[in-house]
N, C-alpha and C. Protein backbone atom coordinates (compact mmCIF):
# COMPACT_ATOMS: atom_id res chain seq x y z
N UNK A 1 12.81 -6.87 -12.82
CA UNK A 1 11.84 -8.01 -13.28
C UNK A 1 10.50 -7.79 -12.53
N UNK A 2 9.62 -7.96 -13.46
CA UNK A 2 8.21 -7.64 -13.01
C UNK A 2 7.17 -8.43 -13.77
N UNK A 3 6.03 -8.40 -13.45
CA UNK A 3 4.99 -9.01 -14.14
C UNK A 3 4.16 -7.96 -14.97
N UNK A 4 3.81 -8.29 -16.20
CA UNK A 4 3.17 -7.33 -17.16
C UNK A 4 1.66 -7.85 -17.24
N UNK A 5 0.72 -7.13 -17.07
CA UNK A 5 -0.55 -7.45 -17.43
C UNK A 5 -1.35 -6.07 -17.74
N UNK A 6 -2.17 -6.16 -18.61
CA UNK A 6 -2.75 -4.80 -19.08
C UNK A 6 -4.19 -4.94 -18.65
N UNK A 7 -4.76 -3.79 -18.06
CA UNK A 7 -6.11 -3.73 -17.82
C UNK A 7 -6.79 -2.47 -18.31
N UNK A 8 -7.90 -2.52 -18.83
CA UNK A 8 -8.64 -1.36 -19.44
C UNK A 8 -9.25 -0.59 -18.24
N UNK A 9 -9.63 0.46 -18.57
CA UNK A 9 -10.28 1.30 -17.50
C UNK A 9 -11.81 1.24 -17.82
N UNK A 10 -12.52 2.08 -17.04
CA UNK A 10 -13.99 2.30 -17.19
C UNK A 10 -14.38 3.79 -17.04
N UNK A 11 -13.80 4.61 -17.96
CA UNK A 11 -13.92 5.93 -17.84
C UNK A 11 -15.37 6.57 -17.45
N UNK A 12 -16.48 5.96 -18.03
CA UNK A 12 -17.76 6.18 -17.65
C UNK A 12 -18.14 6.09 -16.18
N UNK A 13 -17.79 4.85 -15.66
CA UNK A 13 -18.00 4.65 -14.09
C UNK A 13 -17.04 5.61 -13.34
N UNK A 14 -15.84 5.72 -13.75
CA UNK A 14 -14.93 6.63 -13.12
C UNK A 14 -15.46 8.16 -12.99
N UNK A 15 -16.02 8.46 -14.14
CA UNK A 15 -16.77 9.92 -14.09
C UNK A 15 -17.88 9.93 -13.13
N UNK A 16 -18.65 8.80 -13.16
CA UNK A 16 -19.78 8.89 -12.31
C UNK A 16 -19.48 8.87 -10.75
N UNK A 17 -18.46 8.13 -10.40
CA UNK A 17 -17.92 8.13 -9.04
C UNK A 17 -17.42 9.42 -8.68
N UNK A 18 -16.59 10.01 -9.56
CA UNK A 18 -15.99 11.50 -9.13
C UNK A 18 -17.05 12.52 -8.99
N UNK A 19 -17.98 12.43 -9.78
CA UNK A 19 -19.04 13.51 -9.82
C UNK A 19 -19.93 13.25 -8.45
N UNK A 20 -20.16 12.04 -8.04
CA UNK A 20 -20.96 11.66 -6.82
C UNK A 20 -20.06 12.17 -5.58
N UNK A 21 -18.69 11.89 -5.60
CA UNK A 21 -17.92 12.43 -4.56
C UNK A 21 -17.86 13.88 -4.30
N UNK A 22 -17.89 14.64 -5.56
CA UNK A 22 -17.94 16.07 -5.46
C UNK A 22 -19.24 16.52 -4.82
N UNK A 23 -20.42 16.01 -5.28
CA UNK A 23 -21.65 16.47 -4.83
C UNK A 23 -21.81 16.16 -3.41
N UNK A 24 -21.22 15.14 -2.82
CA UNK A 24 -21.19 14.94 -1.36
C UNK A 24 -20.17 15.64 -0.62
N UNK A 25 -19.21 16.30 -1.27
CA UNK A 25 -18.21 17.14 -0.60
C UNK A 25 -17.27 16.11 0.08
N UNK A 26 -16.85 15.00 -0.58
CA UNK A 26 -15.92 14.06 0.00
C UNK A 26 -14.66 14.33 -0.65
N UNK A 27 -13.58 14.36 0.11
CA UNK A 27 -12.24 14.94 -0.37
C UNK A 27 -11.75 13.63 -1.21
N UNK A 28 -11.20 14.01 -2.36
CA UNK A 28 -10.32 12.98 -3.24
C UNK A 28 -9.37 13.68 -3.96
N UNK A 29 -8.41 12.96 -4.50
CA UNK A 29 -7.48 13.36 -5.45
C UNK A 29 -7.42 12.46 -6.65
N UNK A 30 -7.53 12.98 -7.84
CA UNK A 30 -7.25 12.31 -9.14
C UNK A 30 -5.92 12.09 -9.27
N UNK A 31 -5.57 10.85 -9.69
CA UNK A 31 -4.22 10.73 -10.07
C UNK A 31 -4.07 9.60 -11.19
N UNK A 32 -3.22 9.79 -12.12
CA UNK A 32 -2.86 8.75 -13.03
C UNK A 32 -1.55 8.07 -13.10
N UNK A 33 -1.57 6.75 -13.12
CA UNK A 33 -0.31 6.00 -13.14
C UNK A 33 -0.50 4.72 -14.03
N UNK A 34 0.50 4.42 -14.84
CA UNK A 34 0.40 3.09 -15.57
C UNK A 34 0.83 1.84 -14.72
N UNK A 35 1.34 2.17 -13.68
CA UNK A 35 1.79 1.27 -12.59
C UNK A 35 0.80 1.03 -11.44
N UNK A 36 0.58 -0.14 -11.11
CA UNK A 36 -0.22 -0.50 -9.84
C UNK A 36 0.70 -0.80 -8.76
N UNK A 37 0.39 -0.45 -7.47
CA UNK A 37 1.18 -0.71 -6.40
C UNK A 37 1.03 -2.24 -6.02
N UNK A 38 1.86 -2.57 -5.05
CA UNK A 38 1.92 -3.91 -4.69
C UNK A 38 0.67 -4.44 -4.12
N UNK A 39 -0.05 -3.67 -3.32
CA UNK A 39 -1.29 -3.88 -2.62
C UNK A 39 -2.39 -4.08 -3.56
N UNK A 40 -2.50 -3.65 -4.82
CA UNK A 40 -3.58 -3.76 -5.88
C UNK A 40 -3.09 -4.91 -6.85
N UNK A 41 -1.77 -4.88 -7.17
CA UNK A 41 -1.30 -5.72 -8.18
C UNK A 41 -1.51 -7.28 -7.88
N UNK A 42 -1.05 -7.56 -6.77
CA UNK A 42 -0.99 -8.84 -6.30
C UNK A 42 -2.34 -9.50 -6.20
N UNK A 43 -3.28 -8.88 -5.53
CA UNK A 43 -4.60 -9.52 -5.55
C UNK A 43 -5.21 -9.72 -6.96
N UNK A 44 -5.02 -8.37 -7.74
CA UNK A 44 -5.54 -8.68 -9.12
C UNK A 44 -4.88 -9.74 -9.99
N UNK A 45 -3.68 -10.04 -9.89
CA UNK A 45 -3.08 -11.05 -10.52
C UNK A 45 -3.47 -12.43 -10.19
N UNK A 46 -3.91 -12.62 -8.91
CA UNK A 46 -4.48 -13.96 -8.30
C UNK A 46 -5.73 -13.87 -8.80
N UNK A 47 -6.59 -13.03 -8.91
CA UNK A 47 -8.07 -13.06 -9.18
C UNK A 47 -8.21 -13.02 -10.69
N UNK A 48 -7.39 -12.63 -11.59
CA UNK A 48 -7.75 -12.51 -12.84
C UNK A 48 -6.89 -13.45 -13.88
N UNK A 49 -6.46 -14.51 -13.35
CA UNK A 49 -5.72 -15.34 -14.19
C UNK A 49 -6.71 -15.75 -15.37
N UNK A 50 -7.82 -16.10 -15.12
CA UNK A 50 -8.93 -16.56 -16.19
C UNK A 50 -9.98 -15.68 -16.36
N UNK A 51 -9.86 -14.50 -15.77
CA UNK A 51 -11.05 -13.51 -15.80
C UNK A 51 -10.44 -12.14 -16.00
N UNK A 52 -11.21 -11.37 -16.82
CA UNK A 52 -10.82 -10.14 -17.19
C UNK A 52 -11.80 -9.06 -16.87
N UNK A 53 -11.42 -7.90 -16.45
CA UNK A 53 -12.47 -6.88 -16.24
C UNK A 53 -11.83 -5.55 -16.35
N UNK A 54 -12.60 -4.44 -16.48
CA UNK A 54 -12.01 -3.04 -16.43
C UNK A 54 -11.82 -2.76 -15.03
N UNK A 55 -10.82 -1.87 -14.96
CA UNK A 55 -10.32 -1.59 -13.60
C UNK A 55 -10.32 -0.15 -13.17
N UNK A 56 -10.70 0.29 -12.02
CA UNK A 56 -10.73 1.57 -11.41
C UNK A 56 -9.95 1.49 -10.10
N UNK A 57 -8.59 1.55 -10.03
CA UNK A 57 -7.76 1.44 -8.80
C UNK A 57 -8.07 2.57 -7.84
N UNK A 58 -8.32 2.50 -6.67
CA UNK A 58 -8.57 3.53 -5.66
C UNK A 58 -7.73 3.32 -4.64
N UNK A 59 -6.91 4.30 -4.21
CA UNK A 59 -6.20 4.28 -2.97
C UNK A 59 -6.67 5.50 -2.35
N UNK A 60 -6.98 5.47 -0.96
CA UNK A 60 -7.53 6.53 -0.23
C UNK A 60 -6.62 6.78 0.92
N UNK A 61 -6.33 8.26 1.06
CA UNK A 61 -5.19 8.61 2.05
C UNK A 61 -5.56 8.10 3.39
N UNK A 62 -4.66 7.59 3.99
CA UNK A 62 -4.73 7.05 5.30
C UNK A 62 -4.77 8.04 6.48
N UNK A 63 -4.36 9.26 6.21
CA UNK A 63 -4.45 10.31 7.28
C UNK A 63 -5.83 10.82 7.39
N UNK A 64 -6.77 10.61 6.62
CA UNK A 64 -8.21 10.98 6.69
C UNK A 64 -8.80 10.28 7.82
N UNK A 65 -9.91 10.86 8.52
CA UNK A 65 -10.60 10.29 9.64
C UNK A 65 -11.35 8.94 9.38
N UNK A 66 -11.70 8.24 10.19
CA UNK A 66 -12.59 7.10 9.91
C UNK A 66 -13.84 7.52 9.45
N UNK A 67 -14.50 8.47 9.84
CA UNK A 67 -15.82 9.03 9.35
C UNK A 67 -15.60 9.32 7.86
N UNK A 68 -14.52 9.94 7.48
CA UNK A 68 -14.37 10.18 5.98
C UNK A 68 -14.19 9.10 5.21
N UNK A 69 -13.46 7.95 5.65
CA UNK A 69 -13.39 6.67 4.99
C UNK A 69 -14.56 6.09 4.93
N UNK A 70 -15.48 6.09 5.86
CA UNK A 70 -16.76 5.53 5.84
C UNK A 70 -17.73 6.26 4.77
N UNK A 71 -17.55 7.47 4.87
CA UNK A 71 -18.42 8.36 3.85
C UNK A 71 -18.05 7.93 2.37
N UNK A 72 -16.59 7.94 2.27
CA UNK A 72 -16.22 7.47 0.98
C UNK A 72 -16.73 5.99 0.56
N UNK A 73 -16.76 5.26 1.39
CA UNK A 73 -17.36 3.92 1.23
C UNK A 73 -18.69 3.89 0.83
N UNK A 74 -19.54 4.60 1.75
CA UNK A 74 -20.93 4.73 1.40
C UNK A 74 -21.19 5.42 -0.02
N UNK A 75 -20.46 6.41 -0.52
CA UNK A 75 -20.59 7.14 -1.81
C UNK A 75 -20.22 6.00 -2.84
N UNK A 76 -19.24 5.33 -2.63
CA UNK A 76 -18.69 4.30 -3.56
C UNK A 76 -19.90 3.31 -3.75
N UNK A 77 -20.38 2.89 -2.66
CA UNK A 77 -21.40 1.82 -2.62
C UNK A 77 -22.74 2.35 -3.56
N UNK A 78 -23.13 3.56 -3.19
CA UNK A 78 -24.13 4.22 -3.86
C UNK A 78 -23.94 4.05 -5.47
N UNK A 79 -22.72 4.42 -5.93
CA UNK A 79 -22.34 4.31 -7.28
C UNK A 79 -22.40 2.83 -7.69
N UNK A 80 -21.95 1.89 -6.99
CA UNK A 80 -21.97 0.56 -7.56
C UNK A 80 -23.32 0.16 -7.58
N UNK A 81 -24.20 0.24 -6.46
CA UNK A 81 -25.61 -0.30 -6.50
C UNK A 81 -26.35 0.34 -7.76
N UNK A 82 -26.24 1.54 -7.96
CA UNK A 82 -27.03 2.18 -9.00
C UNK A 82 -26.43 2.07 -10.36
N UNK A 83 -25.42 1.39 -10.50
CA UNK A 83 -24.86 1.10 -11.82
C UNK A 83 -25.59 -0.25 -12.54
N UNK A 84 -25.76 -0.06 -13.80
CA UNK A 84 -26.27 -1.37 -14.41
C UNK A 84 -25.14 -2.47 -14.59
N UNK A 85 -24.02 -2.10 -14.35
CA UNK A 85 -22.85 -2.89 -14.70
C UNK A 85 -22.48 -3.87 -13.41
N UNK A 86 -22.06 -5.02 -13.65
CA UNK A 86 -21.69 -5.79 -12.53
C UNK A 86 -20.25 -5.26 -12.14
N UNK A 87 -20.19 -5.10 -10.90
CA UNK A 87 -19.00 -4.38 -10.29
C UNK A 87 -18.54 -5.23 -9.16
N UNK A 88 -17.20 -5.49 -9.01
CA UNK A 88 -16.56 -6.15 -7.87
C UNK A 88 -15.70 -5.04 -7.24
N UNK A 89 -15.75 -4.99 -5.85
CA UNK A 89 -15.03 -4.19 -5.08
C UNK A 89 -13.99 -5.05 -4.24
N UNK A 90 -12.66 -4.59 -4.41
CA UNK A 90 -11.62 -5.45 -3.75
C UNK A 90 -10.80 -4.56 -2.68
N UNK A 91 -10.74 -4.89 -1.46
CA UNK A 91 -10.07 -4.00 -0.46
C UNK A 91 -8.84 -4.87 -0.26
N UNK A 92 -7.66 -4.28 -0.26
CA UNK A 92 -6.45 -5.01 -0.06
C UNK A 92 -5.71 -4.24 0.97
N UNK A 93 -5.02 -5.07 1.88
CA UNK A 93 -4.19 -4.65 2.97
C UNK A 93 -3.59 -5.78 3.72
N UNK A 94 -2.69 -5.40 4.55
CA UNK A 94 -2.13 -6.44 5.34
C UNK A 94 -2.84 -6.31 6.92
N UNK A 95 -2.79 -7.59 7.44
CA UNK A 95 -3.18 -7.61 8.71
C UNK A 95 -1.76 -7.36 9.48
N UNK A 96 -1.89 -7.71 10.87
CA UNK A 96 -0.74 -7.29 11.56
C UNK A 96 0.49 -7.75 11.29
N UNK A 97 1.67 -6.97 11.40
CA UNK A 97 2.94 -7.29 11.20
C UNK A 97 3.74 -7.31 12.57
N UNK A 98 2.94 -7.51 13.60
CA UNK A 98 3.62 -7.60 15.02
C UNK A 98 3.03 -8.77 15.85
N UNK A 99 3.18 -9.92 15.24
CA UNK A 99 2.53 -11.10 15.79
C UNK A 99 3.58 -11.96 16.32
N UNK A 100 4.87 -11.94 16.04
CA UNK A 100 5.91 -12.45 16.67
C UNK A 100 7.21 -11.75 16.94
N UNK A 101 8.06 -12.19 17.79
CA UNK A 101 9.08 -11.43 18.27
C UNK A 101 10.03 -10.99 17.17
N UNK A 102 9.97 -12.14 16.15
CA UNK A 102 10.95 -12.09 15.08
C UNK A 102 10.47 -11.04 14.06
N UNK A 103 9.26 -10.62 14.19
CA UNK A 103 8.87 -9.59 13.26
C UNK A 103 9.60 -8.28 13.08
N UNK A 104 9.73 -7.64 12.05
CA UNK A 104 10.50 -6.39 11.92
C UNK A 104 10.12 -5.31 12.98
N UNK A 105 8.81 -5.44 13.50
CA UNK A 105 8.23 -4.39 14.36
C UNK A 105 8.21 -5.13 15.90
N UNK A 106 8.70 -6.31 15.92
CA UNK A 106 8.63 -7.06 17.27
C UNK A 106 7.14 -7.52 17.43
N UNK A 107 6.98 -8.03 18.69
CA UNK A 107 5.60 -8.45 19.11
C UNK A 107 4.82 -7.35 19.80
N UNK A 108 3.64 -7.37 19.46
CA UNK A 108 2.56 -6.44 20.22
C UNK A 108 1.27 -7.16 20.29
N UNK A 109 0.90 -7.30 21.43
CA UNK A 109 -0.53 -8.03 21.76
C UNK A 109 -1.52 -7.37 20.99
N UNK A 110 -1.35 -6.19 20.78
CA UNK A 110 -2.48 -5.65 19.94
C UNK A 110 -2.57 -6.10 18.61
N UNK A 111 -1.49 -6.70 17.83
CA UNK A 111 -1.65 -7.18 16.59
C UNK A 111 -2.52 -8.38 16.52
N UNK A 112 -2.60 -9.21 17.60
CA UNK A 112 -3.39 -10.41 17.72
C UNK A 112 -5.06 -9.80 18.09
N UNK A 113 -5.19 -8.83 18.75
CA UNK A 113 -6.44 -8.17 18.92
C UNK A 113 -7.11 -7.52 17.63
N UNK A 114 -6.07 -6.98 16.96
CA UNK A 114 -6.45 -6.30 15.51
C UNK A 114 -7.01 -7.52 14.52
N UNK A 115 -6.34 -8.64 14.48
CA UNK A 115 -6.41 -9.69 13.47
C UNK A 115 -7.70 -10.37 13.94
N UNK A 116 -8.07 -10.56 15.23
CA UNK A 116 -9.23 -11.18 15.62
C UNK A 116 -10.47 -10.30 15.35
N UNK A 117 -10.30 -9.06 15.44
CA UNK A 117 -11.44 -8.04 15.22
C UNK A 117 -11.76 -8.15 13.72
N UNK A 118 -10.75 -8.24 12.91
CA UNK A 118 -10.96 -8.19 11.33
C UNK A 118 -11.66 -9.50 11.02
N UNK A 119 -11.23 -10.74 11.54
CA UNK A 119 -11.90 -11.79 11.28
C UNK A 119 -13.36 -11.96 11.66
N UNK A 120 -13.45 -11.38 12.72
CA UNK A 120 -14.96 -11.41 13.32
C UNK A 120 -15.73 -10.57 12.45
N UNK A 121 -15.23 -9.27 12.02
CA UNK A 121 -16.02 -8.43 11.23
C UNK A 121 -16.32 -9.08 9.77
N UNK A 122 -15.32 -9.74 9.33
CA UNK A 122 -15.52 -10.34 7.96
C UNK A 122 -16.37 -11.53 8.08
N UNK A 123 -16.32 -12.30 9.13
CA UNK A 123 -17.07 -13.54 9.24
C UNK A 123 -18.50 -13.14 9.54
N UNK A 124 -18.75 -12.16 10.35
CA UNK A 124 -20.26 -11.77 10.74
C UNK A 124 -20.75 -10.65 9.70
N UNK A 125 -19.81 -10.16 8.80
CA UNK A 125 -20.28 -9.04 7.96
C UNK A 125 -20.75 -7.85 8.77
N UNK A 126 -19.81 -7.52 9.83
CA UNK A 126 -20.26 -6.39 10.66
C UNK A 126 -19.10 -5.54 10.92
N UNK A 127 -19.14 -4.27 10.74
CA UNK A 127 -18.17 -3.30 10.99
C UNK A 127 -17.85 -3.05 12.50
N UNK A 128 -18.92 -3.32 13.27
CA UNK A 128 -18.92 -2.93 14.68
C UNK A 128 -17.60 -3.30 15.39
N UNK A 129 -16.98 -4.49 15.23
CA UNK A 129 -15.70 -4.74 15.85
C UNK A 129 -14.82 -3.99 15.49
N UNK A 130 -14.66 -3.40 14.17
CA UNK A 130 -13.52 -2.73 13.67
C UNK A 130 -13.74 -1.38 14.30
N UNK A 131 -14.99 -0.82 14.27
CA UNK A 131 -15.17 0.58 14.78
C UNK A 131 -14.93 0.78 16.42
N UNK A 132 -15.01 -0.57 17.05
CA UNK A 132 -14.74 -0.50 18.45
C UNK A 132 -13.29 -0.64 18.88
N UNK A 133 -12.43 -0.74 18.04
CA UNK A 133 -11.07 -0.90 18.21
C UNK A 133 -10.48 0.50 18.59
N UNK A 134 -9.55 0.37 19.68
CA UNK A 134 -9.00 1.51 20.22
C UNK A 134 -7.84 1.95 19.27
N UNK A 135 -7.51 3.20 19.24
CA UNK A 135 -6.52 3.81 18.34
C UNK A 135 -5.05 3.16 18.65
N UNK A 136 -4.90 2.79 19.88
CA UNK A 136 -3.53 2.11 20.23
C UNK A 136 -3.45 0.80 19.66
N UNK A 137 -4.55 0.03 19.50
CA UNK A 137 -4.57 -1.38 18.98
C UNK A 137 -4.33 -1.17 17.41
N UNK A 138 -5.07 -0.25 16.88
CA UNK A 138 -4.86 0.01 15.32
C UNK A 138 -3.32 0.37 15.12
N UNK A 139 -2.71 1.15 15.75
CA UNK A 139 -1.39 1.63 15.52
C UNK A 139 -0.35 0.62 15.98
N UNK A 140 -0.52 -0.12 16.93
CA UNK A 140 0.42 -1.01 17.45
C UNK A 140 0.37 -2.23 16.76
N UNK A 141 -0.83 -2.52 15.87
CA UNK A 141 -0.80 -3.78 15.17
C UNK A 141 0.04 -3.64 13.97
N UNK A 142 0.59 -2.50 13.62
CA UNK A 142 1.52 -2.46 12.40
C UNK A 142 0.74 -3.07 11.23
N UNK A 143 -0.34 -2.53 10.75
CA UNK A 143 -1.11 -3.12 9.72
C UNK A 143 -1.35 -2.05 8.79
N UNK A 144 -1.90 -2.36 7.46
CA UNK A 144 -2.48 -1.34 6.52
C UNK A 144 -3.88 -1.86 5.98
N UNK A 145 -4.64 -2.61 6.66
CA UNK A 145 -5.86 -3.17 6.18
C UNK A 145 -7.13 -2.27 6.81
N UNK A 146 -6.79 -1.66 8.00
CA UNK A 146 -8.02 -0.96 8.71
C UNK A 146 -8.80 -0.18 7.75
N UNK A 147 -8.30 0.80 7.07
CA UNK A 147 -9.06 1.85 6.33
C UNK A 147 -9.58 1.35 5.12
N UNK A 148 -8.87 0.47 4.47
CA UNK A 148 -9.62 -0.21 3.22
C UNK A 148 -10.68 -0.87 3.68
N UNK A 149 -10.75 -1.66 4.87
CA UNK A 149 -11.84 -2.23 5.25
C UNK A 149 -13.01 -1.42 5.67
N UNK A 150 -12.60 -0.23 6.25
CA UNK A 150 -13.77 0.77 6.47
C UNK A 150 -14.51 1.25 5.12
N UNK A 151 -13.74 1.35 4.16
CA UNK A 151 -14.42 1.77 2.75
C UNK A 151 -15.27 0.49 2.37
N UNK A 152 -14.73 -0.71 2.53
CA UNK A 152 -15.45 -1.79 2.04
C UNK A 152 -16.73 -2.13 2.64
N UNK A 153 -16.67 -1.93 3.97
CA UNK A 153 -17.87 -2.11 4.75
C UNK A 153 -18.83 -1.02 4.59
């Protein structure tokens, strides 16, 4: 059982993005799939109940460095700002899965620290709180929102 919704793409914008990434020597892999993962499909279904738009799903490899994720985000921003089209960027990810002892990963104090840093970053539209997080906090918080947020900011 699943939900079916069709989205069109935007080949011209996609081409512009990939050319810009190549010029900047930012690593990326092109991939085609007719199905969206859970992280993209749920927010899109909620946002597009009465709104339709072309779609360019981007999943960026989490094993790459913070610096590379930020470079990718800046390159994407360049393309969005320079496009005559109206473009929305959506970053999707879960905050900490380690906030309660009943959680599958158990409780980790770092989960609360991570979630608070994300809330501060979003509220103040500042990435500094995210960049100041220690590696242990990011890892122990058992989350998947950190790198998408680096790209978005």
